[in-house]
Amino acid sequence: APFGIISAFLFIIGLFSAKRAKENF
């Protein structure tokens, strides 16, 4: 869960692509 939440946040602020955030989640 923490890994997924952090990835979603980094996607929202533009540091992660949607692809990377989804793979992490």
mmCIF file of all heavy atoms, coordinates in Angstrom:
data_MODEL
# 
_entry.id   MODEL 
# 
loop_
_atom_site.group_PDB 
_atom_site.id 
_atom_site.type_symbol 
_atom_site.label_atom_id 
_atom_site.label_alt_id 
_atom_site.label_comp_id 
_atom_site.label_asym_id 
_atom_site.label_entity_id 
_atom_site.label_seq_id 
_atom_site.pdbx_PDB_ins_code 
_atom_site.Cartn_x 
_atom_site.Cartn_y 
_atom_site.Cartn_z 
_atom_site.occupancy 
_atom_site.B_iso_or_equiv 
_atom_site.pdbx_formal_charge 
_atom_site.auth_seq_id 
_atom_site.auth_comp_id 
_atom_site.auth_asym_id 
_atom_site.auth_atom_id 
_atom_site.pdbx_PDB_model_num 
ATOM 1   N N   . ALA A 1 1  ? 0.800  -1.220 0.000   1.00 0.00 ? 1  ALA A N   1 
ATOM 2   C CA  . ALA A 1 1  ? 0.000  0.000  0.000   1.00 0.00 ? 1  ALA A CA  1 
ATOM 3   C C   . ALA A 1 1  ? 0.840  1.280  0.000   1.00 0.00 ? 1  ALA A C   1 
ATOM 4   O O   . ALA A 1 1  ? 0.599  2.178  -0.823  1.00 0.00 ? 1  ALA A O   1 
ATOM 5   C CB  . ALA A 1 1  ? -0.982 -0.002 1.166   1.00 0.00 ? 1  ALA A CB  1 
ATOM 6   N N   . PRO A 1 2  ? 1.833  1.427  0.885   1.00 0.00 ? 2  PRO A N   1 
ATOM 7   C CA  . PRO A 1 2  ? 2.634  2.665  0.877   1.00 0.00 ? 2  PRO A CA  1 
ATOM 8   C C   . PRO A 1 2  ? 3.332  2.899  -0.462  1.00 0.00 ? 2  PRO A C   1 
ATOM 9   O O   . PRO A 1 2  ? 3.397  4.032  -0.955  1.00 0.00 ? 2  PRO A O   1 
ATOM 10  C CB  . PRO A 1 2  ? 3.650  2.427  2.003   1.00 0.00 ? 2  PRO A CB  1 
ATOM 11  C CG  . PRO A 1 2  ? 3.008  1.431  2.897   1.00 0.00 ? 2  PRO A CG  1 
ATOM 12  C CD  . PRO A 1 2  ? 2.242  0.534  1.982   1.00 0.00 ? 2  PRO A CD  1 
ATOM 13  N N   . PHE A 1 3  ? 3.836  1.823  -1.054  1.00 0.00 ? 3  PHE A N   1 
ATOM 14  C CA  . PHE A 1 3  ? 4.512  1.909  -2.345  1.00 0.00 ? 3  PHE A CA  1 
ATOM 15  C C   . PHE A 1 3  ? 3.547  2.414  -3.417  1.00 0.00 ? 3  PHE A C   1 
ATOM 16  O O   . PHE A 1 3  ? 3.880  3.287  -4.232  1.00 0.00 ? 3  PHE A O   1 
ATOM 17  C CB  . PHE A 1 3  ? 5.049  0.527  -2.711  1.00 0.00 ? 3  PHE A CB  1 
ATOM 18  C CG  . PHE A 1 3  ? 5.946  0.503  -3.909  1.00 0.00 ? 3  PHE A CG  1 
ATOM 19  C CD1 . PHE A 1 3  ? 6.944  1.450  -4.090  1.00 0.00 ? 3  PHE A CD1 1 
ATOM 20  C CD2 . PHE A 1 3  ? 5.797  -0.496 -4.862  1.00 0.00 ? 3  PHE A CD2 1 
ATOM 21  C CE1 . PHE A 1 3  ? 7.782  1.407  -5.192  1.00 0.00 ? 3  PHE A CE1 1 
ATOM 22  C CE2 . PHE A 1 3  ? 6.628  -0.550 -5.970  1.00 0.00 ? 3  PHE A CE2 1 
ATOM 23  C CZ  . PHE A 1 3  ? 7.617  0.406  -6.140  1.00 0.00 ? 3  PHE A CZ  1 
ATOM 24  N N   . GLY A 1 4  ? 2.320  1.901  -3.394  1.00 0.00 ? 4  GLY A N   1 
ATOM 25  C CA  . GLY A 1 4  ? 1.308  2.322  -4.358  1.00 0.00 ? 4  GLY A CA  1 
ATOM 26  C C   . GLY A 1 4  ? 0.891  3.762  -4.169  1.00 0.00 ? 4  GLY A C   1 
ATOM 27  O O   . GLY A 1 4  ? 0.729  4.512  -5.139  1.00 0.00 ? 4  GLY A O   1 
ATOM 28  N N   . ILE A 1 5  ? 0.734  4.168  -2.912  1.00 0.00 ? 5  ILE A N   1 
ATOM 29  C CA  . ILE A 1 5  ? 0.324  5.551  -2.612  1.00 0.00 ? 5  ILE A CA  1 
ATOM 30  C C   . ILE A 1 5  ? 1.404  6.540  -3.043  1.00 0.00 ? 5  ILE A C   1 
ATOM 31  O O   . ILE A 1 5  ? 1.117  7.578  -3.652  1.00 0.00 ? 5  ILE A O   1 
ATOM 32  C CB  . ILE A 1 5  ? 0.012  5.696  -1.107  1.00 0.00 ? 5  ILE A CB  1 
ATOM 33  C CG1 . ILE A 1 5  ? -1.253 4.890  -0.761  1.00 0.00 ? 5  ILE A CG1 1 
ATOM 34  C CG2 . ILE A 1 5  ? -0.173 7.158  -0.732  1.00 0.00 ? 5  ILE A CG2 1 
ATOM 35  C CD1 . ILE A 1 5  ? -1.490 4.747  0.733   1.00 0.00 ? 5  ILE A CD1 1 
ATOM 36  N N   . ILE A 1 6  ? 2.654  6.212  -2.742  1.00 0.00 ? 6  ILE A N   1 
ATOM 37  C CA  . ILE A 1 6  ? 3.769  7.083  -3.135  1.00 0.00 ? 6  ILE A CA  1 
ATOM 38  C C   . ILE A 1 6  ? 3.851  7.188  -4.657  1.00 0.00 ? 6  ILE A C   1 
ATOM 39  O O   . ILE A 1 6  ? 4.043  8.275  -5.219  1.00 0.00 ? 6  ILE A O   1 
ATOM 40  C CB  . ILE A 1 6  ? 5.097  6.556  -2.552  1.00 0.00 ? 6  ILE A CB  1 
ATOM 41  C CG1 . ILE A 1 6  ? 5.094  6.719  -1.034  1.00 0.00 ? 6  ILE A CG1 1 
ATOM 42  C CG2 . ILE A 1 6  ? 6.288  7.293  -3.159  1.00 0.00 ? 6  ILE A CG2 1 
ATOM 43  C CD1 . ILE A 1 6  ? 6.246  6.012  -0.336  1.00 0.00 ? 6  ILE A CD1 1 
ATOM 44  N N   . SER A 1 7  ? 3.684  6.060  -5.350  1.00 0.00 ? 7  SER A N   1 
ATOM 45  C CA  . SER A 1 7  ? 3.734  6.061  -6.812  1.00 0.00 ? 7  SER A CA  1 
ATOM 46  C C   . SER A 1 7  ? 2.617  6.918  -7.399  1.00 0.00 ? 7  SER A C   1 
ATOM 47  O O   . SER A 1 7  ? 2.840  7.671  -8.364  1.00 0.00 ? 7  SER A O   1 
ATOM 48  C CB  . SER A 1 7  ? 3.630  4.630  -7.343  1.00 0.00 ? 7  SER A CB  1 
ATOM 49  O OG  . SER A 1 7  ? 4.736  3.859  -6.936  1.00 0.00 ? 7  SER A OG  1 
ATOM 50  N N   . ALA A 1 8  ? 1.420  6.828  -6.813  1.00 0.00 ? 8  ALA A N   1 
ATOM 51  C CA  . ALA A 1 8  ? 0.295  7.631  -7.288  1.00 0.00 ? 8  ALA A CA  1 
ATOM 52  C C   . ALA A 1 8  ? 0.580  9.119  -7.089  1.00 0.00 ? 8  ALA A C   1 
ATOM 53  O O   . ALA A 1 8  ? 0.294  9.944  -7.973  1.00 0.00 ? 8  ALA A O   1 
ATOM 54  C CB  . ALA A 1 8  ? -0.983 7.235  -6.554  1.00 0.00 ? 8  ALA A CB  1 
ATOM 55  N N   . PHE A 1 9  ? 1.163  9.473  -5.946  1.00 0.00 ? 9  PHE A N   1 
ATOM 56  C CA  . PHE A 1 9  ? 1.501  10.867 -5.670  1.00 0.00 ? 9  PHE A CA  1 
ATOM 57  C C   . PHE A 1 9  ? 2.541  11.377 -6.656  1.00 0.00 ? 9  PHE A C   1 
ATOM 58  O O   . PHE A 1 9  ? 2.414  12.488 -7.199  1.00 0.00 ? 9  PHE A O   1 
ATOM 59  C CB  . PHE A 1 9  ? 2.016  11.014 -4.241  1.00 0.00 ? 9  PHE A CB  1 
ATOM 60  C CG  . PHE A 1 9  ? 2.532  12.390 -3.918  1.00 0.00 ? 9  PHE A CG  1 
ATOM 61  C CD1 . PHE A 1 9  ? 1.661  13.455 -3.738  1.00 0.00 ? 9  PHE A CD1 1 
ATOM 62  C CD2 . PHE A 1 9  ? 3.897  12.625 -3.811  1.00 0.00 ? 9  PHE A CD2 1 
ATOM 63  C CE1 . PHE A 1 9  ? 2.134  14.727 -3.460  1.00 0.00 ? 9  PHE A CE1 1 
ATOM 64  C CE2 . PHE A 1 9  ? 4.387  13.888 -3.530  1.00 0.00 ? 9  PHE A CE2 1 
ATOM 65  C CZ  . PHE A 1 9  ? 3.503  14.946 -3.360  1.00 0.00 ? 9  PHE A CZ  1 
ATOM 66  N N   . LEU A 1 10 ? 3.564  10.580 -6.937  1.00 0.00 ? 10 LEU A N   1 
ATOM 67  C CA  . LEU A 1 10 ? 4.614  10.985 -7.869  1.00 0.00 ? 10 LEU A CA  1 
ATOM 68  C C   . LEU A 1 10 ? 4.073  11.117 -9.288  1.00 0.00 ? 10 LEU A C   1 
ATOM 69  O O   . LEU A 1 10 ? 4.537  11.952 -10.072 1.00 0.00 ? 10 LEU A O   1 
ATOM 70  C CB  . LEU A 1 10 ? 5.774  9.987  -7.829  1.00 0.00 ? 10 LEU A CB  1 
ATOM 71  C CG  . LEU A 1 10 ? 6.572  9.982  -6.523  1.00 0.00 ? 10 LEU A CG  1 
ATOM 72  C CD1 . LEU A 1 10 ? 7.614  8.872  -6.523  1.00 0.00 ? 10 LEU A CD1 1 
ATOM 73  C CD2 . LEU A 1 10 ? 7.240  11.336 -6.278  1.00 0.00 ? 10 LEU A CD2 1 
ATOM 74  N N   . PHE A 1 11 ? 3.046  10.322 -9.613  1.00 0.00 ? 11 PHE A N   1 
ATOM 75  C CA  . PHE A 1 11 ? 2.381  10.483 -10.912 1.00 0.00 ? 11 PHE A CA  1 
ATOM 76  C C   . PHE A 1 11 ? 1.613  11.804 -10.965 1.00 0.00 ? 11 PHE A C   1 
ATOM 77  O O   . PHE A 1 11 ? 1.685  12.554 -11.951 1.00 0.00 ? 11 PHE A O   1 
ATOM 78  C CB  . PHE A 1 11 ? 1.430  9.311  -11.168 1.00 0.00 ? 11 PHE A CB  1 
ATOM 79  C CG  . PHE A 1 11 ? 0.460  9.550  -12.295 1.00 0.00 ? 11 PHE A CG  1 
ATOM 80  C CD1 . PHE A 1 11 ? 0.909  9.662  -13.603 1.00 0.00 ? 11 PHE A CD1 1 
ATOM 81  C CD2 . PHE A 1 11 ? -0.901 9.693  -12.033 1.00 0.00 ? 11 PHE A CD2 1 
ATOM 82  C CE1 . PHE A 1 11 ? 0.012  9.894  -14.650 1.00 0.00 ? 11 PHE A CE1 1 
ATOM 83  C CE2 . PHE A 1 11 ? -1.792 9.922  -13.064 1.00 0.00 ? 11 PHE A CE2 1 
ATOM 84  C CZ  . PHE A 1 11 ? -1.342 10.025 -14.367 1.00 0.00 ? 11 PHE A CZ  1 
ATOM 85  N N   . ILE A 1 12 ? 0.899  12.113 -9.891  1.00 0.00 ? 12 ILE A N   1 
ATOM 86  C CA  . ILE A 1 12 ? 0.093  13.341 -9.846  1.00 0.00 ? 12 ILE A CA  1 
ATOM 87  C C   . ILE A 1 12 ? 0.961  14.582 -10.007 1.00 0.00 ? 12 ILE A C   1 
ATOM 88  O O   . ILE A 1 12 ? 0.580  15.535 -10.694 1.00 0.00 ? 12 ILE A O   1 
ATOM 89  C CB  . ILE A 1 12 ? -0.710 13.403 -8.524  1.00 0.00 ? 12 ILE A CB  1 
ATOM 90  C CG1 . ILE A 1 12 ? -1.816 12.343 -8.535  1.00 0.00 ? 12 ILE A CG1 1 
ATOM 91  C CG2 . ILE A 1 12 ? -1.327 14.789 -8.320  1.00 0.00 ? 12 ILE A CG2 1 
ATOM 92  C CD1 . ILE A 1 12 ? -2.493 12.156 -7.191  1.00 0.00 ? 12 ILE A CD1 1 
ATOM 93  N N   . ILE A 1 13 ? 2.163  14.573 -9.402  1.00 0.00 ? 13 ILE A N   1 
ATOM 94  C CA  . ILE A 1 13 ? 3.034  15.754 -9.485  1.00 0.00 ? 13 ILE A CA  1 
ATOM 95  C C   . ILE A 1 13 ? 3.968  15.703 -10.700 1.00 0.00 ? 13 ILE A C   1 
ATOM 96  O O   . ILE A 1 13 ? 4.809  16.584 -10.886 1.00 0.00 ? 13 ILE A O   1 
ATOM 97  C CB  . ILE A 1 13 ? 3.852  15.953 -8.190  1.00 0.00 ? 13 ILE A CB  1 
ATOM 98  C CG1 . ILE A 1 13 ? 4.837  14.794 -7.978  1.00 0.00 ? 13 ILE A CG1 1 
ATOM 99  C CG2 . ILE A 1 13 ? 2.924  16.131 -6.998  1.00 0.00 ? 13 ILE A CG2 1 
ATOM 100 C CD1 . ILE A 1 13 ? 5.759  15.006 -6.781  1.00 0.00 ? 13 ILE A CD1 1 
ATOM 101 N N   . GLY A 1 14 ? 3.782  14.664 -11.521 1.00 0.00 ? 14 GLY A N   1 
ATOM 102 C CA  . GLY A 1 14 ? 4.493  14.617 -12.788 1.00 0.00 ? 14 GLY A CA  1 
ATOM 103 C C   . GLY A 1 14 ? 5.864  13.965 -12.778 1.00 0.00 ? 14 GLY A C   1 
ATOM 104 O O   . GLY A 1 14 ? 6.582  14.017 -13.785 1.00 0.00 ? 14 GLY A O   1 
ATOM 105 N N   . LEU A 1 15 ? 6.257  13.327 -11.677 1.00 0.00 ? 15 LEU A N   1 
ATOM 106 C CA  . LEU A 1 15 ? 7.575  12.687 -11.613 1.00 0.00 ? 15 LEU A CA  1 
ATOM 107 C C   . LEU A 1 15 ? 7.546  11.243 -12.122 1.00 0.00 ? 15 LEU A C   1 
ATOM 108 O O   . LEU A 1 15 ? 8.587  10.705 -12.496 1.00 0.00 ? 15 LEU A O   1 
ATOM 109 C CB  . LEU A 1 15 ? 8.110  12.724 -10.178 1.00 0.00 ? 15 LEU A CB  1 
ATOM 110 C CG  . LEU A 1 15 ? 8.425  14.122 -9.628  1.00 0.00 ? 15 LEU A CG  1 
ATOM 111 C CD1 . LEU A 1 15 ? 8.968  14.019 -8.213  1.00 0.00 ? 15 LEU A CD1 1 
ATOM 112 C CD2 . LEU A 1 15 ? 9.433  14.854 -10.530 1.00 0.00 ? 15 LEU A CD2 1 
ATOM 113 N N   . PHE A 1 16 ? 6.373  10.621 -12.122 1.00 0.00 ? 16 PHE A N   1 
ATOM 114 C CA  . PHE A 1 16 ? 6.211  9.273  -12.655 1.00 0.00 ? 16 PHE A CA  1 
ATOM 115 C C   . PHE A 1 16 ? 5.240  9.324  -13.831 1.00 0.00 ? 16 PHE A C   1 
ATOM 116 O O   . PHE A 1 16 ? 4.262  10.088 -13.807 1.00 0.00 ? 16 PHE A O   1 
ATOM 117 C CB  . PHE A 1 16 ? 5.627  8.322  -11.604 1.00 0.00 ? 16 PHE A CB  1 
ATOM 118 C CG  . PHE A 1 16 ? 6.647  7.662  -10.718 1.00 0.00 ? 16 PHE A CG  1 
ATOM 119 C CD1 . PHE A 1 16 ? 7.969  8.074  -10.678 1.00 0.00 ? 16 PHE A CD1 1 
ATOM 120 C CD2 . PHE A 1 16 ? 6.264  6.610  -9.894  1.00 0.00 ? 16 PHE A CD2 1 
ATOM 121 C CE1 . PHE A 1 16 ? 8.895  7.468  -9.841  1.00 0.00 ? 16 PHE A CE1 1 
ATOM 122 C CE2 . PHE A 1 16 ? 7.181  5.983  -9.053  1.00 0.00 ? 16 PHE A CE2 1 
ATOM 123 C CZ  . PHE A 1 16 ? 8.498  6.423  -9.025  1.00 0.00 ? 16 PHE A CZ  1 
ATOM 124 N N   . SER A 1 17 ? 5.490  8.513  -14.848 1.00 0.00 ? 17 SER A N   1 
ATOM 125 C CA  . SER A 1 17 ? 4.512  8.333  -15.921 1.00 0.00 ? 17 SER A CA  1 
ATOM 126 C C   . SER A 1 17 ? 3.374  7.470  -15.397 1.00 0.00 ? 17 SER A C   1 
ATOM 127 O O   . SER A 1 17 ? 3.518  6.760  -14.391 1.00 0.00 ? 17 SER A O   1 
ATOM 128 C CB  . SER A 1 17 ? 5.163  7.648  -17.125 1.00 0.00 ? 17 SER A CB  1 
ATOM 129 O OG  . SER A 1 17 ? 5.532  6.314  -16.780 1.00 0.00 ? 17 SER A OG  1 
ATOM 130 N N   . ALA A 1 18 ? 2.234  7.509  -16.097 1.00 0.00 ? 18 ALA A N   1 
ATOM 131 C CA  . ALA A 1 18 ? 1.110  6.655  -15.709 1.00 0.00 ? 18 ALA A CA  1 
ATOM 132 C C   . ALA A 1 18 ? 1.512  5.193  -15.782 1.00 0.00 ? 18 ALA A C   1 
ATOM 133 O O   . ALA A 1 18 ? 1.114  4.376  -14.938 1.00 0.00 ? 18 ALA A O   1 
ATOM 134 C CB  . ALA A 1 18 ? -0.090 6.930  -16.622 1.00 0.00 ? 18 ALA A CB  1 
ATOM 135 N N   . LYS A 1 19 ? 2.334  4.847  -16.773 1.00 0.00 ? 19 LYS A N   1 
ATOM 136 C CA  . LYS A 1 19 ? 2.786  3.466  -16.935 1.00 0.00 ? 19 LYS A CA  1 
ATOM 137 C C   . LYS A 1 19 ? 3.594  3.018  -15.725 1.00 0.00 ? 19 LYS A C   1 
ATOM 138 O O   . LYS A 1 19 ? 3.349  1.950  -15.157 1.00 0.00 ? 19 LYS A O   1 
ATOM 139 C CB  . LYS A 1 19 ? 3.617  3.339  -18.212 1.00 0.00 ? 19 LYS A CB  1 
ATOM 140 C CG  . LYS A 1 19 ? 4.156  1.939  -18.461 1.00 0.00 ? 19 LYS A CG  1 
ATOM 141 C CD  . LYS A 1 19 ? 4.923  1.876  -19.783 1.00 0.00 ? 19 LYS A CD  1 
ATOM 142 C CE  . LYS A 1 19 ? 5.489  0.485  -20.026 1.00 0.00 ? 19 LYS A CE  1 
ATOM 143 N NZ  . LYS A 1 19 ? 6.185  0.390  -21.331 1.00 0.00 ? 19 LYS A NZ  1 
ATOM 144 N N   . ARG A 1 20 ? 4.554  3.832  -15.306 1.00 0.00 ? 20 ARG A N   1 
ATOM 145 C CA  . ARG A 1 20 ? 5.403  3.447  -14.178 1.00 0.00 ? 20 ARG A CA  1 
ATOM 146 C C   . ARG A 1 20 ? 4.599  3.368  -12.886 1.00 0.00 ? 20 ARG A C   1 
ATOM 147 O O   . ARG A 1 20 ? 4.780  2.446  -12.086 1.00 0.00 ? 20 ARG A O   1 
ATOM 148 C CB  . ARG A 1 20 ? 6.547  4.448  -14.021 1.00 0.00 ? 20 ARG A CB  1 
ATOM 149 C CG  . ARG A 1 20 ? 7.541  4.059  -12.931 1.00 0.00 ? 20 ARG A CG  1 
ATOM 150 C CD  . ARG A 1 20 ? 8.712  5.016  -12.866 1.00 0.00 ? 20 ARG A CD  1 
ATOM 151 N NE  . ARG A 1 20 ? 9.640  4.647  -11.802 1.00 0.00 ? 20 ARG A NE  1 
ATOM 152 C CZ  . ARG A 1 20 ? 10.696 5.366  -11.447 1.00 0.00 ? 20 ARG A CZ  1 
ATOM 153 N NH1 . ARG A 1 20 ? 10.994 6.491  -12.110 1.00 0.00 ? 20 ARG A NH1 1 
ATOM 154 N NH2 . ARG A 1 20 ? 11.473 4.981  -10.455 1.00 0.00 ? 20 ARG A NH2 1 
ATOM 155 N N   . ALA A 1 21 ? 3.708  4.339  -12.682 1.00 0.00 ? 21 ALA A N   1 
ATOM 156 C CA  . ALA A 1 21 ? 2.890  4.335  -11.470 1.00 0.00 ? 21 ALA A CA  1 
ATOM 157 C C   . ALA A 1 21 ? 2.009  3.089  -11.409 1.00 0.00 ? 21 ALA A C   1 
ATOM 158 O O   . ALA A 1 21 ? 1.856  2.470  -10.344 1.00 0.00 ? 21 ALA A O   1 
ATOM 159 C CB  . ALA A 1 21 ? 2.041  5.603  -11.409 1.00 0.00 ? 21 ALA A CB  1 
ATOM 160 N N   . LYS A 1 22 ? 1.450  2.718  -12.551 1.00 0.00 ? 22 LYS A N   1 
ATOM 161 C CA  . LYS A 1 22 ? 0.588  1.536  -12.588 1.00 0.00 ? 22 LYS A CA  1 
ATOM 162 C C   . LYS A 1 22 ? 1.386  0.266  -12.335 1.00 0.00 ? 22 LYS A C   1 
ATOM 163 O O   . LYS A 1 22 ? 0.943  -0.621 -11.596 1.00 0.00 ? 22 LYS A O   1 
ATOM 164 C CB  . LYS A 1 22 ? -0.133 1.456  -13.930 1.00 0.00 ? 22 LYS A CB  1 
ATOM 165 C CG  . LYS A 1 22 ? -1.126 0.301  -14.039 1.00 0.00 ? 22 LYS A CG  1 
ATOM 166 C CD  . LYS A 1 22 ? -1.936 0.373  -15.325 1.00 0.00 ? 22 LYS A CD  1 
ATOM 167 C CE  . LYS A 1 22 ? -2.892 1.542  -15.295 1.00 0.00 ? 22 LYS A CE  1 
ATOM 168 N NZ  . LYS A 1 22 ? -3.745 1.590  -16.505 1.00 0.00 ? 22 LYS A NZ  1 
ATOM 169 N N   . GLU A 1 23 ? 2.560  0.173  -12.947 1.00 0.00 ? 23 GLU A N   1 
ATOM 170 C CA  . GLU A 1 23 ? 3.410  -0.997 -12.718 1.00 0.00 ? 23 GLU A CA  1 
ATOM 171 C C   . GLU A 1 23 ? 3.773  -1.126 -11.248 1.00 0.00 ? 23 GLU A C   1 
ATOM 172 O O   . GLU A 1 23 ? 3.760  -2.230 -10.687 1.00 0.00 ? 23 GLU A O   1 
ATOM 173 C CB  . GLU A 1 23 ? 4.676  -0.893 -13.570 1.00 0.00 ? 23 GLU A CB  1 
ATOM 174 C CG  . GLU A 1 23 ? 4.447  -1.147 -15.053 1.00 0.00 ? 23 GLU A CG  1 
ATOM 175 C CD  . GLU A 1 23 ? 5.703  -0.996 -15.882 1.00 0.00 ? 23 GLU A CD  1 
ATOM 176 O OE1 . GLU A 1 23 ? 6.607  -0.231 -15.453 1.00 0.00 ? 23 GLU A OE1 1 
ATOM 177 O OE2 . GLU A 1 23 ? 5.795  -1.621 -16.952 1.00 0.00 ? 23 GLU A OE2 1 
ATOM 178 N N   . ASN A 1 24 ? 4.075  -0.015 -10.604 1.00 0.00 ? 24 ASN A N   1 
ATOM 179 C CA  . ASN A 1 24 ? 4.410  -0.045 -9.180  1.00 0.00 ? 24 ASN A CA  1 
ATOM 180 C C   . ASN A 1 24 ? 3.209  -0.462 -8.329  1.00 0.00 ? 24 ASN A C   1 
ATOM 181 O O   . ASN A 1 24 ? 3.323  -1.285 -7.416  1.00 0.00 ? 24 ASN A O   1 
ATOM 182 C CB  . ASN A 1 24 ? 4.928  1.313  -8.723  1.00 0.00 ? 24 ASN A CB  1 
ATOM 183 C CG  . ASN A 1 24 ? 6.324  1.600  -9.221  1.00 0.00 ? 24 ASN A CG  1 
ATOM 184 O OD1 . ASN A 1 24 ? 7.004  0.737  -9.763  1.00 0.00 ? 24 ASN A OD1 1 
ATOM 185 N ND2 . ASN A 1 24 ? 6.772  2.838  -9.057  1.00 0.00 ? 24 ASN A ND2 1 
ATOM 186 N N   . PHE A 1 25 ? 2.065  0.101  -8.643  1.00 0.00 ? 25 PHE A N   1 
ATOM 187 C CA  . PHE A 1 25 ? 0.869  -0.168 -7.845  1.00 0.00 ? 25 PHE A CA  1 
ATOM 188 C C   . PHE A 1 25 ? 0.475  -1.643 -7.911  1.00 0.00 ? 25 PHE A C   1 
ATOM 189 O O   . PHE A 1 25 ? 0.069  -2.241 -6.908  1.00 0.00 ? 25 PHE A O   1 
ATOM 190 C CB  . PHE A 1 25 ? -0.307 0.692  -8.315  1.00 0.00 ? 25 PHE A CB  1 
ATOM 191 C CG  . PHE A 1 25 ? -1.529 0.572  -7.442  1.00 0.00 ? 25 PHE A CG  1 
ATOM 192 C CD1 . PHE A 1 25 ? -1.705 1.413  -6.358  1.00 0.00 ? 25 PHE A CD1 1 
ATOM 193 C CD2 . PHE A 1 25 ? -2.497 -0.393 -7.693  1.00 0.00 ? 25 PHE A CD2 1 
ATOM 194 C CE1 . PHE A 1 25 ? -2.826 1.300  -5.539  1.00 0.00 ? 25 PHE A CE1 1 
ATOM 195 C CE2 . PHE A 1 25 ? -3.617 -0.530 -6.881  1.00 0.00 ? 25 PHE A CE2 1 
ATOM 196 C CZ  . PHE A 1 25 ? -3.783 0.327  -5.800  1.00 0.00 ? 25 PHE A CZ  1 
# 
